[in-house]
C-alpha atoms as a PDB file:
ATOM      1  CA  MET A   1      -4.337  23.436  64.141  1.00  0.00           C
ATOM      2  CA  ALA A   2      -1.925  21.353  66.228  1.00  0.00           C
ATOM      3  CA  VAL A   3       0.956  22.158  63.884  1.00  0.00           C
ATOM      4  CA  TRP A   4       0.000  25.846  63.834  1.00  0.00           C
ATOM      5  CA  LEU A   5      -0.044  26.097  67.626  1.00  0.00           C
ATOM      6  CA  PHE A   6       3.212  24.148  67.834  1.00  0.00           C
ATOM      7  CA  VAL A   7       4.895  26.662  65.509  1.00  0.00           C
ATOM      8  CA  ILE A   8       3.582  29.555  67.602  1.00  0.00           C
ATOM      9  CA  GLY A   9       4.909  27.806  70.704  1.00  0.00           C
ATOM     10  CA  ILE A  10       8.370  27.460  69.132  1.00  0.00           C
ATOM     11  CA  HIS A  11       8.303  31.141  68.169  1.00  0.00           C
ATOM     12  CA  LEU A  12       7.330  32.192  71.698  1.00  0.00           C
ATOM     13  CA  THR A  13      10.045  29.980  73.148  1.00  0.00           C
ATOM     14  CA  GLY A  14      12.579  31.644  70.880  1.00  0.00           C
ATOM     15  CA  TYR A  15      11.542  35.080  72.082  1.00  0.00           C
ATOM     16  CA  PHE A  16      11.632  33.938  75.718  1.00  0.00           C
ATOM     17  CA  LEU A  17      15.222  32.733  75.312  1.00  0.00           C
ATOM     18  CA  PHE A  18      16.151  36.010  73.636  1.00  0.00           C
ATOM     19  CA  TYR A  19      14.420  38.075  76.338  1.00  0.00           C
ATOM     20  CA  LYS A  20      16.248  36.165  79.076  1.00  0.00           C
ATOM     21  CA  GLY A  21      19.585  36.773  77.376  1.00  0.00           C
ATOM     22  CA  TYR A  22      20.313  33.178  76.406  1.00  0.00           C
ATOM     23  CA  TRP A  23      21.306  34.348  72.927  1.00  0.00           C
ATOM     24  CA  GLU A  24      24.518  35.711  74.444  1.00  0.00           C
ATOM     25  CA  ILE A  25      25.290  32.312  75.976  1.00  0.00           C
ATOM     26  CA  TYR A  26      24.172  30.271  72.946  1.00  0.00           C
ATOM     27  CA  PRO A  27      24.550  32.696  70.007  1.00  0.00           C
ATOM     28  CA  ASN A  28      24.253  29.919  67.422  1.00  0.00           C
ATOM     29  CA  LEU A  29      20.574  29.553  68.359  1.00  0.00           C
ATOM     30  CA  THR A  30      19.757  33.189  67.525  1.00  0.00           C
ATOM     31  CA  GLY A  31      17.598  33.878  64.499  1.00  0.00           C
ATOM     32  CA  VAL A  32      16.365  30.306  64.193  1.00  0.00           C
ATOM     33  CA  THR A  33      12.744  31.320  64.815  1.00  0.00           C
ATOM     34  CA  ALA A  34      12.860  34.671  62.954  1.00  0.00           C
ATOM     35  CA  PRO A  35      11.078  33.432  59.749  1.00  0.00           C
ATOM     36  CA  LEU A  36       8.308  31.607  61.651  1.00  0.00           C
ATOM     37  CA  PRO A  37       5.865  34.579  61.590  1.00  0.00           C
ATOM     38  CA  PHE A  38       5.611  33.992  57.838  1.00  0.00           C
ATOM     39  CA  LEU A  39       3.697  30.805  58.707  1.00  0.00           C
ATOM     40  CA  TYR A  40       0.967  32.561  60.688  1.00  0.00           C
ATOM     41  CA  GLY A  41      -0.959  33.806  57.656  1.00  0.00           C
ATOM     42  CA  PRO A  42      -0.826  30.546  55.672  1.00  0.00           C
ATOM     43  CA  PHE A  43      -1.780  28.473  58.718  1.00  0.00           C
ATOM     44  CA  LEU A  44      -4.716  30.796  59.433  1.00  0.00           C
ATOM     45  CA  TYR A  45      -5.970  30.586  55.861  1.00  0.00           C
ATOM     46  CA  LEU A  46      -5.512  26.828  55.510  1.00  0.00           C
ATOM     47  CA  TYR A  47      -7.039  26.151  58.910  1.00  0.00           C
ATOM     48  CA  VAL A  48     -10.149  28.168  58.027  1.00  0.00           C
ATOM     49  CA  LEU A  49     -10.318  26.461  54.631  1.00  0.00           C
ATOM     50  CA  TYR A  50      -9.984  22.889  55.911  1.00  0.00           C
ATOM     51  CA  SER A  51     -12.056  23.372  59.066  1.00  0.00           C
ATOM     52  CA  ILE A  52     -15.083  23.779  56.827  1.00  0.00           C
ATOM     53  CA  LYS A  53     -14.227  21.192  54.181  1.00  0.00           C
ATOM     54  CA  SER A  54     -14.553  17.431  54.258  1.00  0.00           C
ATOM     55  CA  GLU A  55     -11.054  16.872  52.820  1.00  0.00           C
ATOM     56  CA  SER A  56      -8.310  16.249  55.355  1.00  0.00           C
ATOM     57  CA  ARG A  57      -5.206  16.333  53.142  1.00  0.00           C
ATOM     58  CA  LEU A  58      -3.565  19.418  51.701  1.00  0.00           C
ATOM     59  CA  ARG A  59      -3.479  19.788  47.940  1.00  0.00           C
ATOM     60  CA  LYS A  60      -0.085  20.114  46.263  1.00  0.00           C
ATOM     61  CA  ILE A  61      -0.782  23.764  45.452  1.00  0.00           C
ATOM     62  CA  ASP A  62      -1.360  24.501  49.152  1.00  0.00           C
ATOM     63  CA  TYR A  63       2.299  23.923  49.904  1.00  0.00           C
ATOM     64  CA  LEU A  64       3.160  27.037  47.901  1.00  0.00           C
ATOM     65  CA  HIS A  65       1.863  29.082  50.834  1.00  0.00           C
ATOM     66  CA  PHE A  66       4.972  28.057  52.766  1.00  0.00           C
ATOM     67  CA  ALA A  67       7.389  29.328  50.100  1.00  0.00           C
ATOM     68  CA  PRO A  68       8.072  32.715  51.816  1.00  0.00           C
ATOM     69  CA  THR A  69       9.191  30.895  54.964  1.00  0.00           C
ATOM     70  CA  LEU A  70      11.584  28.702  52.996  1.00  0.00           C
ATOM     71  CA  MET A  71      12.891  31.739  51.124  1.00  0.00           C
ATOM     72  CA  SER A  72      13.492  33.537  54.422  1.00  0.00           C
ATOM     73  CA  TYR A  73      15.476  30.616  55.802  1.00  0.00           C
ATOM     74  CA  SER A  74      17.433  30.478  52.539  1.00  0.00           C
ATOM     75  CA  LEU A  75      18.329  34.184  52.760  1.00  0.00           C
ATOM     76  CA  MET A  76      19.236  33.888  56.412  1.00  0.00           C
ATOM     77  CA  SER A  77      21.463  30.927  55.612  1.00  0.00           C
ATOM     78  CA  HIS A  78      23.406  33.199  53.303  1.00  0.00           C
ATOM     79  CA  PHE A  79      23.428  36.363  55.431  1.00  0.00           C
ATOM     80  CA  PHE A  80      23.321  35.080  59.000  1.00  0.00           C
ATOM     81  CA  PHE A  81      23.250  31.394  59.896  1.00  0.00           C
ATOM     82  CA  PHE A  82      26.821  30.756  58.730  1.00  0.00           C
ATOM     83  CA  TYR A  83      28.218  33.650  60.709  1.00  0.00           C
ATOM     84  CA  SER A  84      30.513  32.755  63.564  1.00  0.00           C
ATOM     85  CA  ALA A  85      29.152  32.931  67.107  1.00  0.00           C
ATOM     86  CA  ASN A  86      31.036  36.175  67.653  1.00  0.00           C
ATOM     87  CA  GLU A  87      29.646  37.723  64.470  1.00  0.00           C
ATOM     88  CA  LYS A  88      26.085  36.793  65.463  1.00  0.00           C
ATOM     89  CA  VAL A  89      26.548  38.550  68.802  1.00  0.00           C
ATOM     90  CA  GLN A  90      27.800  41.611  66.927  1.00  0.00           C
ATOM     91  CA  VAL A  91      24.742  41.532  64.674  1.00  0.00           C
ATOM     92  CA  TYR A  92      22.373  41.685  67.635  1.00  0.00           C
ATOM     93  CA  GLN A  93      24.504  44.359  69.265  1.00  0.00           C
ATOM     94  CA  GLY A  94      24.274  46.419  66.087  1.00  0.00           C
ATOM     95  CA  THR A  95      27.977  46.294  65.239  1.00  0.00           C
ATOM     96  CA  ILE A  96      27.292  44.457  61.948  1.00  0.00           C
ATOM     97  CA  ASP A  97      24.483  46.066  59.945  1.00  0.00           C
ATOM     98  CA  ASP A  98      23.848  43.528  57.174  1.00  0.00           C
ATOM     99  CA  TYR A  99      21.165  41.541  58.979  1.00  0.00           C
ATOM    100  CA  ASN A 100      19.570  44.302  61.037  1.00  0.00           C
ATOM    101  CA  GLY A 101      19.660  46.812  58.201  1.00  0.00           C
ATOM    102  CA  THR A 102      18.485  45.044  55.077  1.00  0.00           C
ATOM    103  CA  LEU A 103      17.272  41.507  55.633  1.00  0.00           C
ATOM    104  CA  ALA A 104      15.366  42.336  58.816  1.00  0.00           C
ATOM    105  CA  THR A 105      13.530  45.164  57.030  1.00  0.00           C
ATOM    106  CA  ILE A 106      12.627  42.924  54.095  1.00  0.00           C
ATOM    107  CA  MET A 107      11.338  40.229  56.434  1.00  0.00           C
ATOM    108  CA  LEU A 108       9.340  42.727  58.499  1.00  0.00           C
ATOM    109  CA  VAL A 109       7.629  44.185  55.429  1.00  0.00           C
ATOM    110  CA  GLY A 110       6.995  40.701  54.066  1.00  0.00           C
ATOM    111  CA  PHE A 111       5.545  39.574  57.385  1.00  0.00           C
ATOM    112  CA  ILE A 112       3.137  42.530  57.450  1.00  0.00           C
ATOM    113  CA  ILE A 113       2.002  42.008  53.853  1.00  0.00           C
ATOM    114  CA  SER A 114       1.633  38.260  54.359  1.00  0.00           C
ATOM    115  CA  GLY A 115      -0.358  38.614  57.575  1.00  0.00           C
ATOM    116  CA  ILE A 116      -2.807  41.211  56.283  1.00  0.00           C
ATOM    117  CA  THR A 117      -3.292  39.465  52.920  1.00  0.00           C
ATOM    118  CA  TYR A 118      -3.985  36.052  54.417  1.00  0.00           C
ATOM    119  CA  THR A 119      -6.319  37.548  57.023  1.00  0.00           C
ATOM    120  CA  ILE A 120      -8.411  39.138  54.270  1.00  0.00           C
ATOM    121  CA  LEU A 121      -8.426  35.919  52.221  1.00  0.00           C
ATOM    122  CA  ALA A 122      -9.442  33.853  55.248  1.00  0.00           C
ATOM    123  CA  TYR A 123     -12.258  36.256  56.130  1.00  0.00           C
ATOM    124  CA  ARG A 124     -13.621  36.327  52.580  1.00  0.00           C
ATOM    125  CA  ASN A 125     -13.553  32.536  52.458  1.00  0.00           C
ATOM    126  CA  LEU A 126     -15.370  32.305  55.788  1.00  0.00           C
ATOM    127  CA  VAL A 127     -18.118  34.707  54.668  1.00  0.00           C
ATOM    128  CA  LYS A 128     -18.741  32.547  51.603  1.00  0.00           C
ATOM    129  CA  ARG A 129     -18.894  29.393  53.702  1.00  0.00           C
ATOM    130  CA  GLU A 130     -21.315  30.955  56.178  1.00  0.00           C
ATOM    131  CA  LYS A 131     -23.683  31.601  53.263  1.00  0.00           C
ATOM    132  CA  VAL A 132     -23.317  27.983  52.180  1.00  0.00           C
ATOM    133  CA  VAL A 133     -24.154  26.776  55.690  1.00  0.00           C
ATOM    134  CA  LYS A 134     -27.369  28.829  55.801  1.00  0.00           C
ATOM    135  CA  GLU A 135     -28.381  27.588  52.364  1.00  0.00           C
ATOM    136  CA  ASN A 136     -28.177  23.968  53.547  1.00  0.00           C
ATOM    137  CA  PHE A 137     -28.836  23.664  57.268  1.00  0.00           C
ATOM    138  CA  SER A 138     -31.818  24.711  59.354  1.00  0.00           C
ATOM    139  CA  ASP A 139     -29.821  24.507  62.595  1.00  0.00           C
ATOM    140  CA  THR A 140     -26.231  25.710  62.859  1.00  0.00           C
ATOM    141  CA  THR A 141     -25.668  25.115  66.577  1.00  0.00           C
ATOM    142  CA  ARG A 142     -23.016  22.429  66.106  1.00  0.00           C
ATOM    143  CA  ILE A 143     -21.494  23.987  62.999  1.00  0.00           C
ATOM    144  CA  ASN A 144     -21.479  27.620  64.078  1.00  0.00           C
ATOM    145  CA  LEU A 145     -18.579  29.446  62.454  1.00  0.00           C
ATOM    146  CA  LYS A 146     -18.643  32.574  64.644  1.00  0.00           C
ATOM    147  CA  TRP A 147     -15.612  31.446  66.599  1.00  0.00           C
ATOM    148  CA  LEU A 148     -13.648  31.266  63.346  1.00  0.00           C
ATOM    149  CA  ARG A 149     -14.731  34.824  62.599  1.00  0.00           C
ATOM    150  CA  TYR A 150     -13.428  35.910  66.013  1.00  0.00           C
ATOM    151  CA  THR A 151     -10.198  34.008  65.336  1.00  0.00           C
ATOM    152  CA  ILE A 152      -9.658  35.803  62.032  1.00  0.00           C
ATOM    153  CA  ILE A 153     -10.459  39.200  63.532  1.00  0.00           C
ATOM    154  CA  GLY A 154      -8.119  38.457  66.440  1.00  0.00           C
ATOM    155  CA  ILE A 155      -5.182  37.460  64.252  1.00  0.00           C
ATOM    156  CA  GLY A 156      -5.907  40.459  62.020  1.00  0.00           C
ATOM    157  CA  LEU A 157      -5.664  42.789  65.014  1.00  0.00           C
ATOM    158  CA  PHE A 158      -2.492  40.969  66.007  1.00  0.00           C
ATOM    159  CA  PHE A 159      -0.911  41.832  62.653  1.00  0.00           C
ATOM    160  CA  ILE A 160      -2.189  45.425  62.736  1.00  0.00           C
ATOM    161  CA  VAL A 161      -0.893  46.073  66.245  1.00  0.00           C
ATOM    162  CA  GLY A 162       2.397  44.432  65.352  1.00  0.00           C
ATOM    163  CA  THR A 163       2.662  46.679  62.293  1.00  0.00           C
ATOM    164  CA  ILE A 164       1.960  49.842  64.288  1.00  0.00           C
ATOM    165  CA  VAL A 165       4.448  48.907  67.011  1.00  0.00           C
ATOM    166  CA  SER A 166       7.137  48.053  64.449  1.00  0.00           C
ATOM    167  CA  VAL A 167       6.669  51.262  62.471  1.00  0.00           C
ATOM    168  CA  LEU A 168       6.681  53.436  65.584  1.00  0.00           C
ATOM    169  CA  ARG A 169       9.751  51.735  67.005  1.00  0.00           C
ATOM    170  CA  GLU A 170      11.854  50.901  63.947  1.00  0.00           C
ATOM    171  CA  VAL A 171      10.944  53.696  61.510  1.00  0.00           C
ATOM    172  CA  ILE A 172       9.974  56.667  63.673  1.00  0.00           C
ATOM    173  CA  GLY A 173      12.227  55.725  66.569  1.00  0.00           C
ATOM    174  CA  PHE A 174       9.548  56.050  69.249  1.00  0.00           C
ATOM    175  CA  GLN A 175      10.520  54.552  72.592  1.00  0.00           C
ATOM    176  CA  PHE A 176       7.674  52.888  74.475  1.00  0.00           C
ATOM    177  CA  PRO A 177       7.611  53.432  78.273  1.00  0.00           C
ATOM    178  CA  PHE A 178       7.018  49.691  78.629  1.00  0.00           C
ATOM    179  CA  ASN A 179       8.222  46.518  76.956  1.00  0.00           C
ATOM    180  CA  ALA A 180       5.936  46.395  73.911  1.00  0.00           C
ATOM    181  CA  ASP A 181       7.191  42.933  72.969  1.00  0.00           C
ATOM    182  CA  ILE A 182       5.997  41.459  76.271  1.00  0.00           C
ATOM    183  CA  LEU A 183       2.515  42.881  75.724  1.00  0.00           C
ATOM    184  CA  PHE A 184       2.554  41.726  72.103  1.00  0.00           C
ATOM    185  CA  TYR A 185       3.508  38.143  72.925  1.00  0.00           C
ATOM    186  CA  SER A 186       1.154  38.011  75.922  1.00  0.00           C
ATOM    187  CA  VAL A 187      -1.731  38.738  73.541  1.00  0.00           C
ATOM    188  CA  LEU A 188      -0.426  35.930  71.340  1.00  0.00           C
ATOM    189  CA  VAL A 189      -0.534  33.521  74.304  1.00  0.00           C
ATOM    190  CA  GLY A 190      -4.160  34.495  74.940  1.00  0.00           C
ATOM    191  CA  PHE A 191      -4.896  33.896  71.276  1.00  0.00           C
ATOM    192  CA  ILE A 192      -3.416  30.394  71.509  1.00  0.00           C
ATOM    193  CA  VAL A 193      -5.672  29.554  74.442  1.00  0.00           C
ATOM    194  CA  PHE A 194      -8.762  30.804  72.598  1.00  0.00           C
ATOM    195  CA  VAL A 195      -7.974  29.022  69.327  1.00  0.00           C
ATOM    196  CA  GLY A 196      -7.032  25.797  71.083  1.00  0.00           C
ATOM    197  CA  TYR A 197     -10.205  25.728  73.181  1.00  0.00           C
ATOM    198  CA  SER A 198     -12.506  26.717  70.315  1.00  0.00           C
ATOM    199  CA  GLY A 199     -10.847  24.334  67.860  1.00  0.00           C
ATOM    200  CA  ILE A 200     -11.308  21.382  70.179  1.00  0.00           C
ATOM    201  CA  ARG A 201     -15.013  22.220  70.526  1.00  0.00           C
ATOM    202  CA  GLN A 202     -15.427  22.615  66.774  1.00  0.00           C
ATOM    203  CA  GLN A 203     -17.730  20.086  65.168  1.00  0.00           C
ATOM    204  CA  ASP A 204     -16.709  19.136  61.659  1.00  0.00           C
ATOM    205  CA  LEU A 205     -19.156  20.640  59.228  1.00  0.00           C
ATOM    206  CA  PHE A 206     -19.939  17.382  57.499  1.00  0.00           C
ATOM    207  CA  THR A 207     -19.215  14.481  59.839  1.00  0.00           C
ATOM    208  CA  SER A 208     -22.124  15.356  62.138  1.00  0.00           C
ATOM    209  CA  THR A 209     -24.656  15.412  59.289  1.00  0.00           C
ATOM    210  CA  ASN A 210     -25.834  13.098  56.570  1.00  0.00           C
ATOM    211  CA  ILE A 211     -25.023  15.561  53.797  1.00  0.00           C
ATOM    212  CA  LYS A 212     -21.835  15.417  51.767  1.00  0.00           C
ATOM    213  CA  GLU A 213     -19.961  18.449  50.504  1.00  0.00           C
ATOM    214  CA  ARG A 214     -20.570  17.663  46.847  1.00  0.00           C
ATOM    215  CA  GLU A 215     -24.323  17.714  47.593  1.00  0.00           C
ATOM    216  CA  LEU A 216     -24.251  21.170  49.137  1.00  0.00           C
ATOM    217  CA  VAL A 217     -25.993  24.108  47.552  1.00  0.00           C
ATOM    218  CA  LYS A 218     -23.154  26.566  47.131  1.00  0.00           C
ATOM    219  CA  THR A 219     -24.463  30.074  46.388  1.00  0.00           C
ATOM    220  CA  GLU A 220     -27.256  31.812  44.525  1.00  0.00           C
ATOM    221  CA  SER A 221     -25.077  32.301  41.460  1.00  0.00           C
ATOM    222  CA  GLU A 222     -25.066  28.556  40.817  1.00  0.00           C
ATOM    223  CA  TYR A 223     -28.720  28.449  39.868  1.00  0.00           C
ATOM    224  CA  LYS A 224     -29.028  31.689  37.946  1.00  0.00           C
ATOM    225  CA  LYS A 225     -28.850  29.644  34.738  1.00  0.00           C
ATOM    226  CA  SER A 226     -31.100  26.944  36.133  1.00  0.00           C
ATOM    227  CA  SER A 227     -33.032  24.573  33.898  1.00  0.00           C
ATOM    228  CA  LEU A 228     -36.053  24.809  36.205  1.00  0.00           C
ATOM    229  CA  LYS A 229     -39.022  26.099  34.194  1.00  0.00           C
ATOM    230  CA  VAL A 230     -41.254  28.816  35.627  1.00  0.00           C
ATOM    231  CA  GLU A 231     -44.411  26.690  35.545  1.00  0.00           C
ATOM    232  CA  VAL A 232     -42.687  23.811  37.319  1.00  0.00           C
ATOM    233  CA  ALA A 233     -41.185  26.207  39.857  1.00  0.00           C
ATOM    234  CA  ASN A 234     -44.634  27.673  40.626  1.00  0.00           C
ATOM    235  CA  ASN A 235     -46.120  24.240  41.173  1.00  0.00           C
ATOM    236  CA  LYS A 236     -43.214  23.051  43.307  1.00  0.00           C
ATOM    237  CA  HIS A 237     -43.359  26.218  45.386  1.00  0.00           C
ATOM    238  CA  GLN A 238     -46.994  25.599  46.216  1.00  0.00           C
ATOM    239  CA  GLU A 239     -46.195  21.940  46.890  1.00  0.00           C
ATOM    240  CA  LEU A 240     -43.459  23.061  49.255  1.00  0.00           C
ATOM    241  CA  LEU A 241     -45.821  25.347  51.205  1.00  0.00           C
ATOM    242  CA  ASP A 242     -48.479  22.630  51.423  1.00  0.00           C
ATOM    243  CA  PHE A 243     -45.895  20.109  52.620  1.00  0.00           C
ATOM    244  CA  MET A 244     -44.607  22.523  55.285  1.00  0.00           C
ATOM    245  CA  GLU A 245     -48.127  23.050  56.645  1.00  0.00           C
ATOM    246  CA  ARG A 246     -49.191  19.415  56.432  1.00  0.00           C
ATOM    247  CA  GLU A 247     -46.086  17.464  57.474  1.00  0.00           C
ATOM    248  CA  LYS A 248     -44.251  20.104  59.558  1.00  0.00           C
ATOM    249  CA  PRO A 249     -40.750  18.883  58.645  1.00  0.00           C
ATOM    250  CA  TYR A 250     -39.302  21.853  60.528  1.00  0.00           C
ATOM    251  CA  LEU A 251     -39.979  20.001  63.796  1.00  0.00           C
ATOM    252  CA  ASN A 252     -36.915  17.927  62.900  1.00  0.00           C
ATOM    253  CA  ASN A 253     -34.228  20.054  64.560  1.00  0.00           C
ATOM    254  CA  LYS A 254     -31.516  18.696  62.233  1.00  0.00           C
ATOM    255  CA  LEU A 255     -33.410  19.165  58.984  1.00  0.00           C
ATOM    256  CA  THR A 256     -31.188  19.810  55.951  1.00  0.00           C
ATOM    257  CA  ILE A 257     -32.097  21.033  52.509  1.00  0.00           C
ATOM    258  CA  SER A 258     -31.154  17.693  50.963  1.00  0.00           C
ATOM    259  CA  GLU A 259     -33.681  15.895  53.188  1.00  0.00           C
ATOM    260  CA  LEU A 260     -36.455  18.332  52.311  1.00  0.00           C
ATOM    261  CA  ALA A 261     -35.571  18.212  48.610  1.00  0.00           C
ATOM    262  CA  GLU A 262     -35.821  14.424  48.661  1.00  0.00           C
ATOM    263  CA  GLU A 263     -39.315  14.622  50.113  1.00  0.00           C
ATOM    264  CA  LEU A 264     -40.372  16.933  47.271  1.00  0.00           C
ATOM    265  CA  SER A 265     -38.530  14.976  44.546  1.00  0.00           C
ATOM    266  CA  LEU A 266     -36.375  17.996  43.766  1.00  0.00           C
ATOM    267  CA  SER A 267     -32.659  18.601  43.492  1.00  0.00           C
ATOM    268  CA  THR A 268     -31.158  20.639  46.322  1.00  0.00           C
ATOM    269  CA  ASN A 269     -30.243  23.432  43.912  1.00  0.00           C
ATOM    270  CA  HIS A 270     -33.760  23.665  42.526  1.00  0.00           C
ATOM    271  CA  LEU A 271     -35.262  23.731  46.007  1.00  0.00           C
ATOM    272  CA  SER A 272     -32.805  26.424  47.056  1.00  0.00           C
ATOM    273  CA  GLN A 273     -33.724  28.400  43.946  1.00  0.00           C
ATOM    274  CA  ILE A 274     -37.433  28.185  44.762  1.00  0.00           C
ATOM    275  CA  ILE A 275     -36.940  29.262  48.386  1.00  0.00           C
ATOM    276  CA  ASN A 276     -34.652  32.162  47.468  1.00  0.00           C
ATOM    277  CA  GLN A 277     -36.743  33.457  44.593  1.00  0.00           C
ATOM    278  CA  TYR A 278     -40.249  32.926  45.959  1.00  0.00           C
ATOM    279  CA  GLU A 279     -39.710  33.352  49.699  1.00  0.00           C
ATOM    280  CA  GLU A 280     -36.748  35.750  49.357  1.00  0.00           C
ATOM    281  CA  VAL A 281     -34.835  34.103  52.220  1.00  0.00           C
ATOM    282  CA  ASN A 282     -32.237  31.360  52.551  1.00  0.00           C
ATOM    283  CA  PHE A 283     -33.097  27.839  53.687  1.00  0.00           C
ATOM    284  CA  HIS A 284     -32.036  28.511  57.300  1.00  0.00           C
ATOM    285  CA  ASP A 285     -34.374  31.489  57.704  1.00  0.00           C
ATOM    286  CA  PHE A 286     -37.201  29.809  55.779  1.00  0.00           C
ATOM    287  CA  ILE A 287     -37.290  26.839  58.158  1.00  0.00           C
ATOM    288  CA  ASN A 288     -36.773  28.856  61.333  1.00  0.00           C
ATOM    289  CA  LYS A 289     -39.583  31.227  60.439  1.00  0.00           C
ATOM    290  CA  TYR A 290     -41.938  28.238  60.588  1.00  0.00           C
ATOM    291  CA  ARG A 291     -40.427  27.211  63.922  1.00  0.00           C
ATOM    292  CA  VAL A 292     -41.055  30.667  65.353  1.00  0.00           C
ATOM    293  CA  GLU A 293     -44.721  30.578  64.304  1.00  0.00           C
ATOM    294  CA  GLU A 294     -45.055  27.049  65.691  1.00  0.00           C
ATOM    295  CA  PHE A 295     -43.613  28.236  68.993  1.00  0.00           C
ATOM    296  CA  ILE A 296     -46.090  31.124  69.192  1.00  0.00           C
ATOM    297  CA  LEU A 297     -49.068  28.842  68.549  1.00  0.00           C
ATOM    298  CA  LYS A 298     -47.953  26.306  71.156  1.00  0.00           C
ATOM    299  CA  ALA A 299     -47.103  28.982  73.720  1.00  0.00           C
ATOM    300  CA  GLN A 300     -50.593  30.425  73.412  1.00  0.00           C
ATOM    301  CA  ARG A 301     -52.283  27.037  73.722  1.00  0.00           C
ATOM    302  CA  ASP A 302     -50.239  25.513  76.524  1.00  0.00           C
ATOM    303  CA  THR A 303     -48.808  27.531  79.420  1.00  0.00           C
ATOM    304  CA  SER A 304     -47.760  24.526  81.523  1.00  0.00           C
ATOM    305  CA  PHE A 305     -44.382  24.224  79.793  1.00  0.00           C
ATOM    306  CA  SER A 306     -41.475  26.634  79.925  1.00  0.00           C
ATOM    307  CA  LEU A 307     -40.795  28.783  76.882  1.00  0.00           C
ATOM    308  CA  LEU A 308     -37.557  26.916  76.273  1.00  0.00           C
ATOM    309  CA  GLY A 309     -39.351  23.576  76.455  1.00  0.00           C
ATOM    310  CA  ILE A 310     -41.870  24.778  73.890  1.00  0.00           C
ATOM    311  CA  ALA A 311     -39.019  26.050  71.714  1.00  0.00           C
ATOM    312  CA  TYR A 312     -37.387  22.623  71.711  1.00  0.00           C
ATOM    313  CA  ASP A 313     -40.747  21.093  70.870  1.00  0.00           C
ATOM    314  CA  SER A 314     -41.027  23.499  67.929  1.00  0.00           C
ATOM    315  CA  GLY A 315     -37.804  22.367  66.285  1.00  0.00           C
ATOM    316  CA  PHE A 316     -35.151  24.582  67.876  1.00  0.00           C
ATOM    317  CA  ASN A 317     -32.018  22.906  69.127  1.00  0.00           C
ATOM    318  CA  SER A 318     -30.525  25.465  71.527  1.00  0.00           C
ATOM    319  CA  LYS A 319     -31.556  28.420  73.677  1.00  0.00           C
ATOM    320  CA  SER A 320     -29.147  30.849  72.031  1.00  0.00           C
ATOM    321  CA  THR A 321     -30.314  29.993  68.500  1.00  0.00           C
ATOM    322  CA  PHE A 322     -33.944  30.228  69.552  1.00  0.00           C
ATOM    323  CA  ASN A 323     -33.531  33.672  71.119  1.00  0.00           C
ATOM    324  CA  THR A 324     -31.478  35.007  68.208  1.00  0.00           C
ATOM    325  CA  VAL A 325     -33.853  33.740  65.524  1.00  0.00           C
ATOM    326  CA  PHE A 326     -36.979  34.835  67.372  1.00  0.00           C
ATOM    327  CA  LYS A 327     -35.704  38.382  67.874  1.00  0.00           C
ATOM    328  CA  LYS A 328     -34.675  38.539  64.227  1.00  0.00           C
ATOM    329  CA  PHE A 329     -38.211  37.805  63.038  1.00  0.00           C
ATOM    330  CA  LYS A 330     -40.270  39.485  65.780  1.00  0.00           C
ATOM    331  CA  SER A 331     -37.924  42.249  66.989  1.00  0.00           C
ATOM    332  CA  LEU A 332     -38.716  41.178  70.566  1.00  0.00           C
ATOM    333  CA  THR A 333     -37.455  38.483  72.905  1.00  0.00           C
ATOM    334  CA  PRO A 334     -39.748  35.420  73.214  1.00  0.00           C
ATOM    335  CA  SER A 335     -40.876  36.388  76.733  1.00  0.00           C
ATOM    336  CA  GLN A 336     -41.592  39.984  75.688  1.00  0.00           C
ATOM    337  CA  TYR A 337     -43.597  38.836  72.682  1.00  0.00           C
ATOM    338  CA  ILE A 338     -45.691  36.332  74.634  1.00  0.00           C
ATOM    339  CA  SER A 339     -46.323  38.873  77.403  1.00  0.00           C
ATOM    340  CA  LYS A 340     -47.488  41.345  74.797  1.00  0.00           C
ATOM    341  CA  LEU A 341     -49.925  38.806  73.337  1.00  0.00           C
ATOM    342  CA  LYS A 342     -51.477  38.154  76.758  1.00  0.00           C
ATOM    343  CA  LYS A 343     -52.305  41.827  77.364  1.00  0.00           C
END
C-alpha cells in the first residue's frame, strides 16, 4: 500500500508541475510520470490479494503485472524521452504530432483497459474471499472487508469517470466549462486519504486469529466430492446440535470453525459440509443465529442490563455486527423486537 500511495503521489506531483507551467521551464521533466497510471490497476489487484493472504512476498509471476508500465517507458524512450528540450516543448504545444497523436492514444486506451480489467479481477477476488471469511469465522469485526469493497468501487469509478472525460475531450472535442483535470485529481487525493486511513486500520486476516490459511475452508465446491458418508454426517450433525445446546461455544466471540471442528473431532471441511448441507447456512450465520436466540432469552429474563451489554454477553463482539445480524434474522432492530415481545 505504501508503494502504491507513493506512486500516486509522484503522479499527482507531476501533474501539479505541469499545471503550474514548470514543464516550460524544465521541459526534460515532462512525460516522466505519464506511464504511472498503468500501475494503478496492478497495485489495486495485488493489494486486495495480499491484504487477505498470509504471504507477504510477491510471487515471480506477480511481477508480470508491471510489464505494461515498462513497455510504456520503453516506447516513450524511443518516441519522446530522447527528444531535445525544444522538441519536447513543441510536442506539448502540438507542433510535433508523433507523441500526442499515436503514442498518447495507445497509452490512453491501454490505461482504460488495464484499469477496468484489474478492477473487475480485484472485485471478483474479494467476493470469493468474503465467502471464505464467513465459512471460517463467527465474528468478522476485525477482519471486515467492506472497506476493500469500497476501495475497489471507488477506483472503478475513478477509471470510468476518467474514461468518460477523456472520450468527451479527446475524441468528441467537448470543452468543459471548468478544469476537469483539477476535479479528477482532487477525487484521487480524497481516494488516497480514504485508502491510507482504512489500510492502517486493517487487521491482517490471519495474524489476529489462531487459524492458518492452509487450514481455511475455501468454498462449497471443495467438499462436493467429500469422503464423508451420509450416516456419519447424520450422526455428526446431531452431535453438533447437541454440543451447541449443551456447551454453548458461540459465547466465545472469537470462535472459528477450526476450534469447533476440533471439539467434534472433525476436519474443518467436513464440519463446513455438515453446516452448509444440513443447516443451509455458512458457519458465520450458523453461529450468530445461536447468539441471537441467546440474546433474546437473556433479554427476557434480565432487564437490568442494557441491550448492548446482553449482546456482548451472548457472544457478539461489536454493536454494529450485533444490529446487522439481528435484523438479518428477525427483520427488526433488537429494541423493536424486545418491545414487541413485551406487549
